[in-house]
Amino acid sequence: GLFPAVGPQGAATLRLLLGAVMLAGVTRPWRG
């Protein structure tokens, strides 16, 4: 659904950057 607006490249970028923030909140990689 994001492809028409931002293409596969933009969709991949948004998915990874936003996903990294979400996953960091779950796993807290800075600890230990």
Full PDB file with SEQRES, HELIX, SHEET, SSBOND, CRYST1, ORIGX, SCALE, CONECT and MASTER records, all heavy atoms in Angstrom:
SEQRES   1 A   32  GLY LEU PHE PRO ALA VAL GLY PRO GLN GLY ALA ALA THR          
SEQRES   2 A   32  LEU ARG LEU LEU LEU GLY ALA VAL MET LEU ALA GLY VAL          
SEQRES   3 A   32  THR ARG PRO TRP ARG GLY                                      
HELIX    1 AA1 PHE A    3  THR A   27  1                                  25    
CRYST1    1.000    1.000    1.000  90.00  90.00  90.00 P 1           1          
ORIGX1      1.000000  0.000000  0.000000        0.00000                         
ORIGX2      0.000000  1.000000  0.000000        0.00000                         
ORIGX3      0.000000  0.000000  1.000000        0.00000                         
SCALE1      1.000000  0.000000  0.000000        0.00000                         
SCALE2      0.000000  1.000000  0.000000        0.00000                         
SCALE3      0.000000  0.000000  1.000000        0.00000                         
ATOM      1  N   GLY A   1       0.801  -1.216   0.000  1.00  0.00           N  
ATOM      2  CA  GLY A   1       0.000   0.000   0.000  1.00  0.00           C  
ATOM      3  C   GLY A   1       0.836   1.269   0.000  1.00  0.00           C  
ATOM      4  O   GLY A   1       0.337   2.341  -0.341  1.00  0.00           O  
ATOM      5  N   LEU A   2       2.119   1.142   0.383  1.00  0.00           N  
ATOM      6  CA  LEU A   2       3.015   2.297   0.370  1.00  0.00           C  
ATOM      7  C   LEU A   2       3.673   2.500  -0.995  1.00  0.00           C  
ATOM      8  O   LEU A   2       4.196   3.584  -1.273  1.00  0.00           O  
ATOM      9  CB  LEU A   2       4.113   2.122   1.426  1.00  0.00           C  
ATOM     10  CG  LEU A   2       3.685   2.154   2.889  1.00  0.00           C  
ATOM     11  CD1 LEU A   2       4.859   1.748   3.778  1.00  0.00           C  
ATOM     12  CD2 LEU A   2       3.196   3.543   3.282  1.00  0.00           C  
ATOM     13  N   PHE A   3       3.668   1.469  -1.827  1.00  0.00           N  
ATOM     14  CA  PHE A   3       4.410   1.536  -3.089  1.00  0.00           C  
ATOM     15  C   PHE A   3       3.974   2.689  -3.996  1.00  0.00           C  
ATOM     16  O   PHE A   3       4.826   3.352  -4.587  1.00  0.00           O  
ATOM     17  CB  PHE A   3       4.295   0.208  -3.844  1.00  0.00           C  
ATOM     18  CG  PHE A   3       5.075  -0.927  -3.234  1.00  0.00           C  
ATOM     19  CD1 PHE A   3       5.797  -0.764  -2.069  1.00  0.00           C  
ATOM     20  CD2 PHE A   3       5.081  -2.182  -3.836  1.00  0.00           C  
ATOM     21  CE1 PHE A   3       6.515  -1.813  -1.497  1.00  0.00           C  
ATOM     22  CE2 PHE A   3       5.796  -3.240  -3.287  1.00  0.00           C  
ATOM     23  CZ  PHE A   3       6.506  -3.049  -2.112  1.00  0.00           C  
ATOM     24  N   PRO A   4       2.673   2.953  -4.162  1.00  0.00           N  
ATOM     25  CA  PRO A   4       2.296   4.041  -5.073  1.00  0.00           C  
ATOM     26  C   PRO A   4       2.861   5.395  -4.656  1.00  0.00           C  
ATOM     27  O   PRO A   4       3.134   6.246  -5.508  1.00  0.00           O  
ATOM     28  CB  PRO A   4       0.762   4.036  -5.008  1.00  0.00           C  
ATOM     29  CG  PRO A   4       0.403   2.647  -4.615  1.00  0.00           C  
ATOM     30  CD  PRO A   4       1.485   2.223  -3.672  1.00  0.00           C  
ATOM     31  N   ALA A   5       3.039   5.612  -3.361  1.00  0.00           N  
ATOM     32  CA  ALA A   5       3.494   6.915  -2.877  1.00  0.00           C  
ATOM     33  C   ALA A   5       5.008   7.011  -2.772  1.00  0.00           C  
ATOM     34  O   ALA A   5       5.595   8.041  -3.104  1.00  0.00           O  
ATOM     35  CB  ALA A   5       2.864   7.219  -1.517  1.00  0.00           C  
ATOM     36  N   VAL A   6       5.674   5.950  -2.296  1.00  0.00           N  
ATOM     37  CA  VAL A   6       7.115   6.047  -2.013  1.00  0.00           C  
ATOM     38  C   VAL A   6       7.920   4.955  -2.708  1.00  0.00           C  
ATOM     39  O   VAL A   6       9.147   4.934  -2.577  1.00  0.00           O  
ATOM     40  CB  VAL A   6       7.379   6.018  -0.493  1.00  0.00           C  
ATOM     41  CG1 VAL A   6       6.755   7.219   0.184  1.00  0.00           C  
ATOM     42  CG2 VAL A   6       6.872   4.716   0.132  1.00  0.00           C  
ATOM     43  N   GLY A   7       7.252   4.046  -3.414  1.00  0.00           N  
ATOM     44  CA  GLY A   7       7.965   2.975  -4.098  1.00  0.00           C  
ATOM     45  C   GLY A   7       8.486   1.921  -3.130  1.00  0.00           C  
ATOM     46  O   GLY A   7       8.455   2.112  -1.914  1.00  0.00           O  
ATOM     47  N   PRO A   8       8.984   0.810  -3.654  1.00  0.00           N  
ATOM     48  CA  PRO A   8       9.548  -0.226  -2.783  1.00  0.00           C  
ATOM     49  C   PRO A   8      10.736   0.284  -1.969  1.00  0.00           C  
ATOM     50  O   PRO A   8      10.962  -0.167  -0.839  1.00  0.00           O  
ATOM     51  CB  PRO A   8       9.978  -1.319  -3.771  1.00  0.00           C  
ATOM     52  CG  PRO A   8       9.185  -1.068  -5.003  1.00  0.00           C  
ATOM     53  CD  PRO A   8       8.982   0.407  -5.069  1.00  0.00           C  
ATOM     54  N   GLN A   9      11.514   1.229  -2.539  1.00  0.00           N  
ATOM     55  CA  GLN A   9      12.682   1.744  -1.824  1.00  0.00           C  
ATOM     56  C   GLN A   9      12.250   2.538  -0.591  1.00  0.00           C  
ATOM     57  O   GLN A   9      12.809   2.367   0.502  1.00  0.00           O  
ATOM     58  CB  GLN A   9      13.514   2.631  -2.757  1.00  0.00           C  
ATOM     59  CG  GLN A   9      14.069   1.914  -3.969  1.00  0.00           C  
ATOM     60  CD  GLN A   9      13.128   1.924  -5.158  1.00  0.00           C  
ATOM     61  OE1 GLN A   9      11.930   2.190  -5.023  1.00  0.00           O  
ATOM     62  NE2 GLN A   9      13.676   1.649  -6.337  1.00  0.00           N  
ATOM     63  N   GLY A  10      11.265   3.415  -0.761  1.00  0.00           N  
ATOM     64  CA  GLY A  10      10.778   4.186   0.374  1.00  0.00           C  
ATOM     65  C   GLY A  10      10.088   3.311   1.406  1.00  0.00           C  
ATOM     66  O   GLY A  10      10.246   3.519   2.620  1.00  0.00           O  
ATOM     67  N   ALA A  11       9.322   2.319   0.932  1.00  0.00           N  
ATOM     68  CA  ALA A  11       8.635   1.418   1.858  1.00  0.00           C  
ATOM     69  C   ALA A  11       9.642   0.628   2.693  1.00  0.00           C  
ATOM     70  O   ALA A  11       9.458   0.457   3.903  1.00  0.00           O  
ATOM     71  CB  ALA A  11       7.729   0.462   1.080  1.00  0.00           C  
ATOM     72  N   ALA A  12      10.710   0.147   2.053  1.00  0.00           N  
ATOM     73  CA  ALA A  12      11.729  -0.595   2.788  1.00  0.00           C  
ATOM     74  C   ALA A  12      12.418   0.292   3.820  1.00  0.00           C  
ATOM     75  O   ALA A  12      12.691  -0.134   4.953  1.00  0.00           O  
ATOM     76  CB  ALA A  12      12.757  -1.170   1.817  1.00  0.00           C  
ATOM     77  N   THR A  13      12.701   1.544   3.447  1.00  0.00           N  
ATOM     78  CA  THR A  13      13.347   2.475   4.371  1.00  0.00           C  
ATOM     79  C   THR A  13      12.473   2.745   5.590  1.00  0.00           C  
ATOM     80  O   THR A  13      12.937   2.675   6.740  1.00  0.00           O  
ATOM     81  CB  THR A  13      13.666   3.794   3.651  1.00  0.00           C  
ATOM     82  OG1 THR A  13      14.552   3.548   2.567  1.00  0.00           O  
ATOM     83  CG2 THR A  13      14.313   4.785   4.605  1.00  0.00           C  
ATOM     84  N   LEU A  14      11.190   3.052   5.354  1.00  0.00           N  
ATOM     85  CA  LEU A  14      10.279   3.318   6.466  1.00  0.00           C  
ATOM     86  C   LEU A  14      10.120   2.099   7.356  1.00  0.00           C  
ATOM     87  O   LEU A  14      10.135   2.204   8.592  1.00  0.00           O  
ATOM     88  CB  LEU A  14       8.920   3.753   5.920  1.00  0.00           C  
ATOM     89  CG  LEU A  14       8.854   5.145   5.287  1.00  0.00           C  
ATOM     90  CD1 LEU A  14       7.510   5.355   4.601  1.00  0.00           C  
ATOM     91  CD2 LEU A  14       9.084   6.220   6.341  1.00  0.00           C  
ATOM     92  N   ARG A  15       9.952   0.935   6.748  1.00  0.00           N  
ATOM     93  CA  ARG A  15       9.764  -0.294   7.521  1.00  0.00           C  
ATOM     94  C   ARG A  15      10.961  -0.582   8.428  1.00  0.00           C  
ATOM     95  O   ARG A  15      10.817  -0.944   9.591  1.00  0.00           O  
ATOM     96  CB  ARG A  15       9.522  -1.456   6.561  1.00  0.00           C  
ATOM     97  CG  ARG A  15       9.480  -2.835   7.222  1.00  0.00           C  
ATOM     98  CD  ARG A  15      10.767  -3.571   6.867  1.00  0.00           C  
ATOM     99  NE  ARG A  15      10.688  -4.992   7.122  1.00  0.00           N  
ATOM    100  CZ  ARG A  15      11.083  -5.581   8.237  1.00  0.00           C  
ATOM    101  NH1 ARG A  15      11.535  -4.859   9.234  1.00  0.00           N  
ATOM    102  NH2 ARG A  15      11.021  -6.893   8.363  1.00  0.00           N  
ATOM    103  N   LEU A  16      12.177  -0.370   7.912  1.00  0.00           N  
ATOM    104  CA  LEU A  16      13.371  -0.683   8.690  1.00  0.00           C  
ATOM    105  C   LEU A  16      13.642   0.361   9.779  1.00  0.00           C  
ATOM    106  O   LEU A  16      13.936   0.001  10.930  1.00  0.00           O  
ATOM    107  CB  LEU A  16      14.573  -0.808   7.761  1.00  0.00           C  
ATOM    108  CG  LEU A  16      14.588  -2.072   6.894  1.00  0.00           C  
ATOM    109  CD1 LEU A  16      15.656  -1.976   5.812  1.00  0.00           C  
ATOM    110  CD2 LEU A  16      14.819  -3.311   7.757  1.00  0.00           C  
ATOM    111  N   LEU A  17      13.562   1.642   9.433  1.00  0.00           N  
ATOM    112  CA  LEU A  17      13.868   2.665  10.426  1.00  0.00           C  
ATOM    113  C   LEU A  17      12.842   2.675  11.557  1.00  0.00           C  
ATOM    114  O   LEU A  17      13.216   2.704  12.743  1.00  0.00           O  
ATOM    115  CB  LEU A  17      13.937   4.039   9.749  1.00  0.00           C  
ATOM    116  CG  LEU A  17      15.124   4.252   8.802  1.00  0.00           C  
ATOM    117  CD1 LEU A  17      15.053   5.642   8.170  1.00  0.00           C  
ATOM    118  CD2 LEU A  17      16.455   4.071   9.532  1.00  0.00           C  
ATOM    119  N   LEU A  18      11.550   2.643  11.212  1.00  0.00           N  
ATOM    120  CA  LEU A  18      10.531   2.608  12.249  1.00  0.00           C  
ATOM    121  C   LEU A  18      10.570   1.289  13.020  1.00  0.00           C  
ATOM    122  O   LEU A  18      10.394   1.261  14.244  1.00  0.00           O  
ATOM    123  CB  LEU A  18       9.148   2.821  11.633  1.00  0.00           C  
ATOM    124  CG  LEU A  18       8.892   4.205  11.028  1.00  0.00           C  
ATOM    125  CD1 LEU A  18       7.533   4.234  10.332  1.00  0.00           C  
ATOM    126  CD2 LEU A  18       8.966   5.288  12.089  1.00  0.00           C  
ATOM    127  N   GLY A  19      10.833   0.192  12.299  1.00  0.00           N  
ATOM    128  CA  GLY A  19      10.926  -1.104  12.963  1.00  0.00           C  
ATOM    129  C   GLY A  19      12.088  -1.170  13.929  1.00  0.00           C  
ATOM    130  O   GLY A  19      11.985  -1.783  15.005  1.00  0.00           O  
ATOM    131  N   ALA A  20      13.213  -0.546  13.567  1.00  0.00           N  
ATOM    132  CA  ALA A  20      14.371  -0.534  14.459  1.00  0.00           C  
ATOM    133  C   ALA A  20      14.047   0.187  15.763  1.00  0.00           C  
ATOM    134  O   ALA A  20      14.437  -0.258  16.851  1.00  0.00           O  
ATOM    135  CB  ALA A  20      15.561   0.123  13.764  1.00  0.00           C  
ATOM    136  N   VAL A  21      13.321   1.300  15.661  1.00  0.00           N  
ATOM    137  CA  VAL A  21      12.940   2.035  16.867  1.00  0.00           C  
ATOM    138  C   VAL A  21      12.029   1.184  17.745  1.00  0.00           C  
ATOM    139  O   VAL A  21      12.211   1.094  18.979  1.00  0.00           O  
ATOM    140  CB  VAL A  21      12.249   3.357  16.483  1.00  0.00           C  
ATOM    141  CG1 VAL A  21      11.672   4.037  17.720  1.00  0.00           C  
ATOM    142  CG2 VAL A  21      13.227   4.288  15.786  1.00  0.00           C  
ATOM    143  N   MET A  22      11.051   0.527  17.126  1.00  0.00           N  
ATOM    144  CA  MET A  22      10.135  -0.323  17.888  1.00  0.00           C  
ATOM    145  C   MET A  22      10.861  -1.479  18.547  1.00  0.00           C  
ATOM    146  O   MET A  22      10.656  -1.777  19.731  1.00  0.00           O  
ATOM    147  CB  MET A  22       9.038  -0.858  16.962  1.00  0.00           C  
ATOM    148  CG  MET A  22       8.073   0.181  16.452  1.00  0.00           C  
ATOM    149  SD  MET A  22       6.841  -0.569  15.346  1.00  0.00           S  
ATOM    150  CE  MET A  22       5.891   0.883  14.886  1.00  0.00           C  
ATOM    151  N   LEU A  23      11.724  -2.152  17.769  1.00  0.00           N  
ATOM    152  CA  LEU A  23      12.416  -3.318  18.307  1.00  0.00           C  
ATOM    153  C   LEU A  23      13.406  -2.915  19.393  1.00  0.00           C  
ATOM    154  O   LEU A  23      13.597  -3.650  20.367  1.00  0.00           O  
ATOM    155  CB  LEU A  23      13.132  -4.063  17.183  1.00  0.00           C  
ATOM    156  CG  LEU A  23      13.652  -5.460  17.521  1.00  0.00           C  
ATOM    157  CD1 LEU A  23      12.518  -6.355  17.992  1.00  0.00           C  
ATOM    158  CD2 LEU A  23      14.345  -6.078  16.313  1.00  0.00           C  
ATOM    159  N   ALA A  24      14.019  -1.737  19.252  1.00  0.00           N  
ATOM    160  CA  ALA A  24      14.927  -1.256  20.289  1.00  0.00           C  
ATOM    161  C   ALA A  24      14.185  -1.044  21.603  1.00  0.00           C  
ATOM    162  O   ALA A  24      14.720  -1.304  22.690  1.00  0.00           O  
ATOM    163  CB  ALA A  24      15.598   0.044  19.847  1.00  0.00           C  
ATOM    164  N   GLY A  25      12.933  -0.576  21.503  1.00  0.00           N  
ATOM    165  CA  GLY A  25      12.144  -0.405  22.709  1.00  0.00           C  
ATOM    166  C   GLY A  25      11.818  -1.720  23.391  1.00  0.00           C  
ATOM    167  O   GLY A  25      11.645  -1.768  24.616  1.00  0.00           O  
ATOM    168  N   VAL A  26      11.753  -2.803  22.603  1.00  0.00           N  
ATOM    169  CA  VAL A  26      11.445  -4.125  23.163  1.00  0.00           C  
ATOM    170  C   VAL A  26      12.700  -4.790  23.734  1.00  0.00           C  
ATOM    171  O   VAL A  26      12.690  -5.325  24.844  1.00  0.00           O  
ATOM    172  CB  VAL A  26      10.803  -5.030  22.085  1.00  0.00           C  
ATOM    173  CG1 VAL A  26      10.635  -6.447  22.618  1.00  0.00           C  
ATOM    174  CG2 VAL A  26       9.469  -4.460  21.646  1.00  0.00           C  
ATOM    175  N   THR A  27      13.798  -4.751  22.983  1.00  0.00           N  
ATOM    176  CA  THR A  27      14.997  -5.517  23.369  1.00  0.00           C  
ATOM    177  C   THR A  27      16.017  -4.689  24.148  1.00  0.00           C  
ATOM    178  O   THR A  27      16.892  -5.266  24.793  1.00  0.00           O  
ATOM    179  CB  THR A  27      15.690  -6.088  22.123  1.00  0.00           C  
ATOM    180  OG1 THR A  27      16.119  -5.007  21.275  1.00  0.00           O  
ATOM    181  CG2 THR A  27      14.729  -6.977  21.332  1.00  0.00           C  
ATOM    182  N   ARG A  28      15.956  -3.345  24.076  1.00  0.00           N  
ATOM    183  CA  ARG A  28      16.890  -2.456  24.759  1.00  0.00           C  
ATOM    184  C   ARG A  28      18.340  -2.905  24.545  1.00  0.00           C  
ATOM    185  O   ARG A  28      19.031  -3.347  25.467  1.00  0.00           O  
ATOM    186  CB  ARG A  28      16.588  -2.405  26.256  1.00  0.00           C  
ATOM    187  CG  ARG A  28      15.185  -1.892  26.555  1.00  0.00           C  
ATOM    188  CD  ARG A  28      14.879  -1.891  28.038  1.00  0.00           C  
ATOM    189  NE  ARG A  28      13.516  -1.464  28.275  1.00  0.00           N  
ATOM    190  CZ  ARG A  28      12.976  -1.360  29.503  1.00  0.00           C  
ATOM    191  NH1 ARG A  28      13.698  -1.675  30.566  1.00  0.00           N  
ATOM    192  NH2 ARG A  28      11.739  -0.953  29.632  1.00  0.00           N  
ATOM    193  N   PRO A  29      18.829  -2.793  23.318  1.00  0.00           N  
ATOM    194  CA  PRO A  29      20.148  -3.346  22.989  1.00  0.00           C  
ATOM    195  C   PRO A  29      21.303  -2.704  23.736  1.00  0.00           C  
ATOM    196  O   PRO A  29      22.390  -3.293  23.809  1.00  0.00           O  
ATOM    197  CB  PRO A  29      20.258  -3.092  21.475  1.00  0.00           C  
ATOM    198  CG  PRO A  29      19.326  -1.953  21.209  1.00  0.00           C  
ATOM    199  CD  PRO A  29      18.194  -2.135  22.165  1.00  0.00           C  
ATOM    200  N   TRP A  30      21.108  -1.518  24.281  1.00  0.00           N  
ATOM    201  CA  TRP A  30      22.188  -0.844  24.993  1.00  0.00           C  
ATOM    202  C   TRP A  30      22.461  -1.470  26.363  1.00  0.00           C  
ATOM    203  O   TRP A  30      23.501  -1.218  26.952  1.00  0.00           O  
ATOM    204  CB  TRP A  30      21.837   0.638  25.164  1.00  0.00           C  
ATOM    205  CG  TRP A  30      20.504   0.855  25.806  1.00  0.00           C  
ATOM    206  CD1 TRP A  30      20.218   0.916  27.140  1.00  0.00           C  
ATOM    207  CD2 TRP A  30      19.262   1.017  25.123  1.00  0.00           C  
ATOM    208  NE1 TRP A  30      18.877   1.106  27.340  1.00  0.00           N  
ATOM    209  CE2 TRP A  30      18.268   1.182  26.128  1.00  0.00           C  
ATOM    210  CE3 TRP A  30      18.887   1.066  23.782  1.00  0.00           C  
ATOM    211  CZ2 TRP A  30      16.920   1.372  25.819  1.00  0.00           C  
ATOM    212  CZ3 TRP A  30      17.555   1.252  23.480  1.00  0.00           C  
ATOM    213  CH2 TRP A  30      16.577   1.404  24.472  1.00  0.00           C  
ATOM    214  N   ARG A  31      21.549  -2.274  26.850  1.00  0.00           N  
ATOM    215  CA  ARG A  31      21.751  -2.904  28.158  1.00  0.00           C  
ATOM    216  C   ARG A  31      22.618  -4.145  28.005  1.00  0.00           C  
ATOM    217  O   ARG A  31      22.323  -5.045  27.231  1.00  0.00           O  
ATOM    218  CB  ARG A  31      20.404  -3.291  28.777  1.00  0.00           C  
ATOM    219  CG  ARG A  31      19.511  -2.086  29.062  1.00  0.00           C  
ATOM    220  CD  ARG A  31      18.139  -2.499  29.541  1.00  0.00           C  
ATOM    221  NE  ARG A  31      18.195  -3.292  30.761  1.00  0.00           N  
ATOM    222  CZ  ARG A  31      17.128  -3.799  31.373  1.00  0.00           C  
ATOM    223  NH1 ARG A  31      15.927  -3.600  30.855  1.00  0.00           N  
ATOM    224  NH2 ARG A  31      17.249  -4.499  32.468  1.00  0.00           N  
ATOM    225  N   GLY A  32      23.698  -4.210  28.745  1.00  0.00           N  
ATOM    226  CA  GLY A  32      24.592  -5.361  28.686  1.00  0.00           C  
ATOM    227  C   GLY A  32      25.333  -5.480  27.375  1.00  0.00           C  
ATOM    228  O   GLY A  32      25.668  -6.594  26.951  1.00  0.00           O  
TER     229      GLY A  32                                                      
MASTER        0    0    0    1    0    0    0    6  228    1    0    3          
END                                                                             
